[in-house]
N, C-alpha and C. Protein backbone atom coordinates (compact mmCIF):
# COMPACT_ATOMS: atom_id res chain seq x y z
N MET A 1 155.12 56.24 10.56
CA MET A 1 155.85 57.43 10.91
C MET A 1 155.98 58.32 9.67
N PRO A 2 155.69 59.59 9.81
CA PRO A 2 155.76 60.49 8.64
C PRO A 2 157.19 60.66 8.14
N LEU A 3 157.31 60.95 6.86
CA LEU A 3 158.63 61.17 6.28
C LEU A 3 159.19 62.49 6.80
N ARG A 4 160.49 62.49 7.04
CA ARG A 4 161.16 63.70 7.53
C ARG A 4 162.02 64.36 6.47
N PHE A 5 162.10 63.74 5.29
CA PHE A 5 162.86 64.29 4.17
C PHE A 5 162.04 64.16 2.90
N THR A 6 162.20 65.10 1.99
CA THR A 6 161.79 64.90 0.60
C THR A 6 162.97 64.23 -0.11
N ILE A 7 162.77 63.81 -1.34
CA ILE A 7 163.86 63.21 -2.09
C ILE A 7 165.03 64.19 -2.19
N ALA A 8 164.74 65.44 -2.55
CA ALA A 8 165.81 66.43 -2.71
C ALA A 8 166.54 66.69 -1.39
N GLU A 9 165.81 66.79 -0.30
CA GLU A 9 166.43 67.02 1.01
C GLU A 9 167.32 65.85 1.42
N LEU A 10 166.85 64.63 1.17
CA LEU A 10 167.64 63.45 1.52
C LEU A 10 168.91 63.39 0.67
N GLN A 11 168.79 63.65 -0.62
CA GLN A 11 169.97 63.65 -1.48
C GLN A 11 170.98 64.70 -1.02
N ASN A 12 170.51 65.89 -0.66
CA ASN A 12 171.41 66.95 -0.18
C ASN A 12 172.08 66.55 1.13
N PHE A 13 171.33 65.90 2.03
CA PHE A 13 171.91 65.43 3.29
C PHE A 13 173.01 64.40 3.01
N LEU A 14 172.74 63.48 2.08
CA LEU A 14 173.73 62.45 1.75
C LEU A 14 174.98 63.06 1.13
N VAL A 15 174.83 64.11 0.34
CA VAL A 15 176.00 64.80 -0.22
C VAL A 15 176.89 65.29 0.91
N ASP A 16 176.28 65.77 1.98
CA ASP A 16 177.04 66.29 3.12
C ASP A 16 177.69 65.19 3.97
N VAL A 17 176.95 64.09 4.22
CA VAL A 17 177.43 63.09 5.19
C VAL A 17 178.02 61.82 4.57
N PHE A 18 177.71 61.53 3.31
CA PHE A 18 178.14 60.28 2.68
C PHE A 18 178.43 60.52 1.20
N PRO A 19 179.28 61.52 0.89
CA PRO A 19 179.48 61.92 -0.51
C PRO A 19 180.13 60.84 -1.38
N GLN A 20 180.82 59.89 -0.77
CA GLN A 20 181.52 58.88 -1.57
C GLN A 20 180.58 57.93 -2.30
N VAL A 21 179.31 57.88 -1.95
CA VAL A 21 178.39 56.95 -2.63
C VAL A 21 177.30 57.65 -3.44
N ILE A 22 177.10 58.91 -3.23
CA ILE A 22 175.92 59.57 -3.81
C ILE A 22 175.90 59.53 -5.34
N ASP A 23 177.05 59.54 -5.99
CA ASP A 23 177.05 59.53 -7.46
C ASP A 23 176.56 58.23 -8.06
N ASP A 24 176.56 57.15 -7.27
CA ASP A 24 176.12 55.85 -7.78
C ASP A 24 174.61 55.64 -7.70
N PHE A 25 173.89 56.49 -6.96
CA PHE A 25 172.49 56.21 -6.64
C PHE A 25 171.55 57.34 -7.04
N VAL A 26 170.32 56.94 -7.40
CA VAL A 26 169.23 57.88 -7.65
C VAL A 26 168.03 57.42 -6.83
N ILE A 27 167.52 58.29 -5.99
CA ILE A 27 166.30 57.97 -5.23
C ILE A 27 165.13 58.26 -6.16
N GLU A 28 164.38 57.21 -6.51
CA GLU A 28 163.29 57.35 -7.46
C GLU A 28 161.94 57.54 -6.79
N VAL A 29 161.72 56.87 -5.67
CA VAL A 29 160.45 56.95 -4.94
C VAL A 29 160.76 57.03 -3.46
N LEU A 30 160.05 57.92 -2.79
CA LEU A 30 160.17 58.05 -1.34
C LEU A 30 158.77 58.37 -0.83
N ASP A 31 158.10 57.35 -0.31
CA ASP A 31 156.76 57.58 0.24
C ASP A 31 156.58 56.78 1.52
N ASP A 32 155.40 56.84 2.10
CA ASP A 32 155.16 56.19 3.39
C ASP A 32 155.36 54.68 3.34
N ASP A 33 155.16 54.06 2.19
CA ASP A 33 155.21 52.60 2.08
C ASP A 33 156.53 52.05 1.57
N MET A 34 157.22 52.81 0.72
CA MET A 34 158.35 52.22 0.01
C MET A 34 159.36 53.29 -0.39
N THR A 35 160.63 52.88 -0.40
CA THR A 35 161.71 53.70 -0.93
C THR A 35 162.35 52.91 -2.06
N ARG A 36 162.40 53.53 -3.26
CA ARG A 36 163.02 52.86 -4.40
C ARG A 36 164.26 53.64 -4.81
N VAL A 37 165.38 52.91 -4.89
CA VAL A 37 166.68 53.52 -5.20
C VAL A 37 167.32 52.74 -6.36
N ARG A 38 167.82 53.49 -7.34
CA ARG A 38 168.50 52.91 -8.50
C ARG A 38 170.01 53.03 -8.32
N MET A 39 170.72 51.96 -8.63
CA MET A 39 172.17 52.01 -8.70
C MET A 39 172.55 52.10 -10.17
N LYS A 40 173.26 53.17 -10.51
CA LYS A 40 173.72 53.37 -11.88
C LYS A 40 174.95 52.49 -12.10
N ILE A 41 174.78 51.48 -12.92
CA ILE A 41 175.82 50.48 -13.11
C ILE A 41 176.89 50.96 -14.09
N SER A 42 178.14 50.74 -13.70
CA SER A 42 179.29 51.01 -14.56
C SER A 42 180.22 49.81 -14.46
N ASP A 43 181.35 49.89 -15.15
CA ASP A 43 182.29 48.76 -15.15
C ASP A 43 182.73 48.34 -13.76
N LYS A 44 182.82 49.27 -12.83
CA LYS A 44 183.29 48.92 -11.48
C LYS A 44 182.31 48.02 -10.72
N HIS A 45 181.07 47.91 -11.19
CA HIS A 45 180.05 47.09 -10.53
C HIS A 45 179.92 45.70 -11.14
N LEU A 46 180.69 45.40 -12.19
CA LEU A 46 180.51 44.16 -12.94
C LEU A 46 181.53 43.10 -12.54
N ARG A 47 181.06 41.86 -12.59
CA ARG A 47 181.94 40.72 -12.37
C ARG A 47 182.31 40.16 -13.74
N PRO A 48 183.26 39.23 -13.82
CA PRO A 48 183.58 38.63 -15.11
C PRO A 48 182.30 38.07 -15.76
N GLY A 49 182.16 38.32 -17.04
CA GLY A 49 180.95 37.93 -17.76
C GLY A 49 179.97 39.07 -17.91
N GLY A 50 180.23 40.20 -17.23
CA GLY A 50 179.43 41.40 -17.43
C GLY A 50 178.20 41.54 -16.55
N THR A 51 177.93 40.59 -15.65
CA THR A 51 176.76 40.74 -14.79
C THR A 51 177.14 41.54 -13.54
N VAL A 52 176.14 42.12 -12.92
CA VAL A 52 176.34 42.91 -11.72
C VAL A 52 176.82 41.98 -10.60
N SER A 53 177.85 42.41 -9.89
CA SER A 53 178.45 41.58 -8.84
C SER A 53 177.59 41.53 -7.59
N GLY A 54 177.77 40.47 -6.82
CA GLY A 54 177.09 40.34 -5.53
C GLY A 54 177.40 41.49 -4.58
N PRO A 55 178.68 41.88 -4.45
CA PRO A 55 178.97 43.01 -3.57
C PRO A 55 178.26 44.30 -3.99
N SER A 56 178.06 44.50 -5.28
CA SER A 56 177.32 45.69 -5.73
C SER A 56 175.85 45.60 -5.33
N MET A 57 175.27 44.41 -5.44
CA MET A 57 173.87 44.24 -5.02
C MET A 57 173.74 44.45 -3.51
N PHE A 58 174.71 43.95 -2.75
CA PHE A 58 174.70 44.17 -1.30
C PHE A 58 174.80 45.66 -1.00
N THR A 59 175.69 46.36 -1.68
CA THR A 59 175.85 47.80 -1.46
C THR A 59 174.55 48.53 -1.73
N LEU A 60 173.87 48.18 -2.82
CA LEU A 60 172.58 48.81 -3.12
C LEU A 60 171.58 48.55 -2.00
N ALA A 61 171.46 47.30 -1.57
CA ALA A 61 170.49 46.97 -0.51
C ALA A 61 170.80 47.77 0.75
N ASP A 62 172.06 47.82 1.15
CA ASP A 62 172.45 48.50 2.38
C ASP A 62 172.25 50.01 2.28
N CYS A 63 172.71 50.61 1.19
CA CYS A 63 172.56 52.07 1.04
C CYS A 63 171.10 52.47 0.88
N ALA A 64 170.32 51.68 0.15
CA ALA A 64 168.91 52.01 -0.04
C ALA A 64 168.15 51.92 1.29
N MET A 65 168.48 50.92 2.12
CA MET A 65 167.82 50.83 3.42
C MET A 65 168.26 51.98 4.32
N TYR A 66 169.52 52.36 4.26
CA TYR A 66 170.00 53.52 5.01
C TYR A 66 169.17 54.74 4.64
N MET A 67 168.93 54.94 3.35
CA MET A 67 168.12 56.07 2.89
C MET A 67 166.68 55.96 3.38
N ALA A 68 166.12 54.76 3.34
CA ALA A 68 164.75 54.55 3.81
C ALA A 68 164.63 54.87 5.29
N VAL A 69 165.61 54.44 6.08
CA VAL A 69 165.59 54.71 7.52
C VAL A 69 165.75 56.20 7.78
N LEU A 70 166.73 56.84 7.15
CA LEU A 70 166.94 58.27 7.35
C LEU A 70 165.71 59.09 6.97
N ALA A 71 165.03 58.68 5.90
CA ALA A 71 163.84 59.40 5.47
C ALA A 71 162.79 59.44 6.56
N ARG A 72 162.82 58.47 7.46
CA ARG A 72 161.81 58.36 8.51
C ARG A 72 162.28 58.86 9.87
N ILE A 73 163.60 58.83 10.11
CA ILE A 73 164.09 59.27 11.43
C ILE A 73 164.72 60.66 11.38
N GLY A 74 164.98 61.16 10.19
CA GLY A 74 165.58 62.48 10.06
C GLY A 74 167.10 62.40 10.00
N PRO A 75 167.75 63.54 10.15
CA PRO A 75 169.20 63.65 9.92
C PRO A 75 170.05 63.04 11.03
N GLN A 76 170.06 61.73 11.08
CA GLN A 76 170.88 61.00 12.06
C GLN A 76 171.88 60.13 11.28
N ALA A 77 172.95 60.76 10.86
CA ALA A 77 173.92 60.12 9.97
C ALA A 77 174.53 58.86 10.55
N LEU A 78 174.53 58.72 11.87
CA LEU A 78 175.20 57.57 12.49
C LEU A 78 174.31 56.36 12.67
N ALA A 79 173.16 56.32 12.02
CA ALA A 79 172.40 55.06 11.97
C ALA A 79 173.27 54.05 11.23
N VAL A 80 173.37 52.82 11.76
CA VAL A 80 174.28 51.84 11.17
C VAL A 80 173.60 50.48 11.02
N THR A 81 174.09 49.73 10.05
CA THR A 81 173.62 48.37 9.83
C THR A 81 174.12 47.48 10.97
N THR A 82 173.19 46.73 11.57
CA THR A 82 173.60 45.76 12.58
C THR A 82 173.46 44.33 12.08
N ASN A 83 172.65 44.15 11.03
CA ASN A 83 172.51 42.82 10.46
C ASN A 83 172.02 42.94 9.03
N CYS A 84 172.52 42.03 8.19
CA CYS A 84 172.02 41.94 6.81
C CYS A 84 172.17 40.50 6.35
N SER A 85 171.11 40.00 5.77
CA SER A 85 171.13 38.69 5.14
C SER A 85 170.62 38.88 3.72
N ILE A 86 171.35 38.34 2.75
CA ILE A 86 170.94 38.54 1.36
C ILE A 86 170.87 37.19 0.65
N ASP A 87 169.82 37.03 -0.12
CA ASP A 87 169.63 35.84 -0.96
C ASP A 87 169.74 36.27 -2.41
N PHE A 88 170.68 35.66 -3.13
CA PHE A 88 170.81 35.91 -4.56
C PHE A 88 169.97 34.85 -5.26
N MET A 89 168.91 35.29 -5.94
CA MET A 89 167.91 34.35 -6.45
C MET A 89 168.04 34.01 -7.92
N ARG A 90 168.56 34.94 -8.70
CA ARG A 90 168.75 34.68 -10.13
C ARG A 90 169.80 35.64 -10.66
N LYS A 91 170.32 35.33 -11.81
CA LYS A 91 171.37 36.13 -12.42
C LYS A 91 170.78 37.47 -12.89
N PRO A 92 171.42 38.58 -12.51
CA PRO A 92 170.94 39.87 -13.01
C PRO A 92 171.22 40.03 -14.50
N VAL A 93 170.48 40.91 -15.12
CA VAL A 93 170.69 41.21 -16.54
C VAL A 93 172.07 41.88 -16.68
N ALA A 94 172.82 41.48 -17.67
CA ALA A 94 174.18 41.98 -17.86
C ALA A 94 174.19 43.49 -18.09
N ASN A 95 175.12 44.16 -17.42
CA ASN A 95 175.42 45.58 -17.60
C ASN A 95 174.16 46.47 -17.58
N THR A 96 173.27 46.21 -16.63
CA THR A 96 172.00 46.93 -16.51
C THR A 96 171.86 47.46 -15.09
N ASP A 97 171.31 48.67 -14.96
CA ASP A 97 171.06 49.24 -13.63
C ASP A 97 170.27 48.26 -12.77
N ILE A 98 170.50 48.33 -11.47
CA ILE A 98 169.71 47.55 -10.52
C ILE A 98 168.94 48.50 -9.63
N ILE A 99 167.80 48.04 -9.15
CA ILE A 99 166.87 48.87 -8.39
C ILE A 99 166.47 48.13 -7.13
N ALA A 100 166.52 48.82 -5.99
CA ALA A 100 166.07 48.25 -4.72
C ALA A 100 164.75 48.90 -4.32
N GLU A 101 163.80 48.08 -3.95
CA GLU A 101 162.54 48.55 -3.37
C GLU A 101 162.55 48.13 -1.91
N CYS A 102 162.65 49.14 -1.03
CA CYS A 102 162.79 48.90 0.41
C CYS A 102 161.49 49.18 1.14
N ARG A 103 161.20 48.31 2.08
CA ARG A 103 160.05 48.50 2.97
C ARG A 103 160.53 48.30 4.40
N ILE A 104 160.12 49.20 5.27
CA ILE A 104 160.45 49.08 6.69
C ILE A 104 159.26 48.43 7.37
N HIS A 105 159.53 47.33 8.07
CA HIS A 105 158.46 46.59 8.74
C HIS A 105 158.30 47.00 10.19
N LYS A 106 159.38 47.45 10.82
CA LYS A 106 159.32 47.91 12.21
C LYS A 106 160.30 49.05 12.37
N LEU A 107 159.81 50.15 12.89
CA LEU A 107 160.66 51.28 13.19
C LEU A 107 160.46 51.62 14.66
N GLY A 108 161.43 51.22 15.47
CA GLY A 108 161.35 51.47 16.89
C GLY A 108 162.28 52.60 17.30
N ARG A 109 162.45 52.72 18.60
CA ARG A 109 163.31 53.78 19.15
C ARG A 109 164.78 53.50 18.88
N VAL A 110 165.19 52.21 18.90
CA VAL A 110 166.60 51.87 18.73
C VAL A 110 166.90 50.99 17.52
N LEU A 111 165.89 50.34 16.92
CA LEU A 111 166.11 49.47 15.77
C LEU A 111 165.07 49.71 14.69
N ALA A 112 165.52 49.55 13.46
CA ALA A 112 164.62 49.55 12.30
C ALA A 112 164.87 48.24 11.56
N VAL A 113 163.79 47.56 11.18
CA VAL A 113 163.88 46.28 10.48
C VAL A 113 163.11 46.39 9.18
N GLY A 114 163.75 45.95 8.10
CA GLY A 114 163.08 46.02 6.81
C GLY A 114 163.68 45.07 5.82
N ASP A 115 163.17 45.14 4.59
CA ASP A 115 163.73 44.32 3.54
C ASP A 115 163.84 45.11 2.25
N ALA A 116 164.67 44.57 1.37
CA ALA A 116 164.87 45.18 0.06
C ALA A 116 164.78 44.08 -0.99
N LEU A 117 163.94 44.31 -1.98
CA LEU A 117 163.91 43.46 -3.16
C LEU A 117 164.72 44.16 -4.23
N ILE A 118 165.63 43.43 -4.86
CA ILE A 118 166.51 44.02 -5.86
C ILE A 118 166.15 43.46 -7.23
N TYR A 119 165.97 44.38 -8.16
CA TYR A 119 165.57 44.04 -9.53
C TYR A 119 166.63 44.53 -10.51
N SER A 120 166.81 43.80 -11.61
CA SER A 120 167.51 44.34 -12.77
C SER A 120 166.49 45.21 -13.50
N ASP A 121 166.92 46.38 -13.94
CA ASP A 121 166.00 47.28 -14.65
C ASP A 121 165.38 46.55 -15.83
N GLY A 122 164.05 46.56 -15.88
CA GLY A 122 163.32 45.91 -16.96
C GLY A 122 162.92 44.48 -16.69
N LEU A 123 163.41 43.88 -15.60
CA LEU A 123 163.07 42.51 -15.26
C LEU A 123 161.99 42.52 -14.18
N ALA A 124 160.90 41.80 -14.38
CA ALA A 124 159.75 41.87 -13.48
C ALA A 124 159.93 41.11 -12.17
N VAL A 125 160.86 40.17 -12.13
CA VAL A 125 161.07 39.37 -10.93
C VAL A 125 162.38 39.80 -10.26
N PRO A 126 162.43 39.73 -8.91
CA PRO A 126 163.65 40.17 -8.24
C PRO A 126 164.81 39.23 -8.48
N VAL A 127 166.01 39.82 -8.47
CA VAL A 127 167.23 39.02 -8.60
C VAL A 127 167.84 38.71 -7.23
N ALA A 128 167.45 39.49 -6.21
CA ALA A 128 167.95 39.26 -4.85
C ALA A 128 166.96 39.82 -3.85
N ARG A 129 167.07 39.31 -2.62
CA ARG A 129 166.26 39.80 -1.51
C ARG A 129 167.17 39.93 -0.31
N ALA A 130 167.07 41.09 0.37
CA ALA A 130 167.89 41.30 1.56
C ALA A 130 166.99 41.68 2.73
N SER A 131 167.34 41.18 3.90
CA SER A 131 166.68 41.55 5.15
C SER A 131 167.72 42.30 5.97
N LEU A 132 167.35 43.51 6.45
CA LEU A 132 168.32 44.35 7.12
C LEU A 132 167.77 44.89 8.43
N THR A 133 168.67 45.06 9.40
CA THR A 133 168.35 45.72 10.66
C THR A 133 169.33 46.86 10.86
N TYR A 134 168.80 48.00 11.22
CA TYR A 134 169.62 49.19 11.48
C TYR A 134 169.48 49.59 12.93
N SER A 135 170.60 50.03 13.50
CA SER A 135 170.61 50.60 14.83
C SER A 135 170.46 52.11 14.71
N ILE A 136 169.53 52.66 15.48
CA ILE A 136 169.26 54.09 15.45
C ILE A 136 169.96 54.73 16.65
N PRO A 137 170.79 55.72 16.40
CA PRO A 137 171.53 56.33 17.52
C PRO A 137 170.58 57.06 18.48
N PRO A 138 170.95 57.10 19.76
CA PRO A 138 170.12 57.85 20.70
C PRO A 138 170.12 59.34 20.35
N VAL A 139 168.99 59.97 20.54
CA VAL A 139 168.87 61.40 20.28
C VAL A 139 169.52 62.15 21.43
N ALA A 140 170.45 63.03 21.09
CA ALA A 140 171.12 63.82 22.13
C ALA A 140 170.11 64.79 22.75
N GLY A 141 170.18 64.96 24.01
CA GLY A 141 169.21 65.85 24.61
C GLY A 141 169.56 66.20 25.94
């Protein structure tokens, strides 16, 4: 399915519909195969010991997949997560941005299914993997 947003258009849409999260994220890549989103890490994302917390990694996976889905279905702000499973595979690098690389495996009329690999910036192997399903709202007509 062709992309319905450029990076700038998607970021502007998110400012309008989801402004509470936009300052934490940078969309780095948006193409037919993959959406890559960076979470800018600050103290609020860290657990004791200085590593990125699990809830922050979950937030990145969920928000990045939301962006990947919207990029393909267009301005349907009410697309919602219906399922997410996340595996934490290794300790992230302390106090370092994390990056999600999202791929959509199935985009249907009512559901989108994909996964996100989460990396610590500069680390070649993923620190977590999430599988997500989104519900796509019916088009009013």
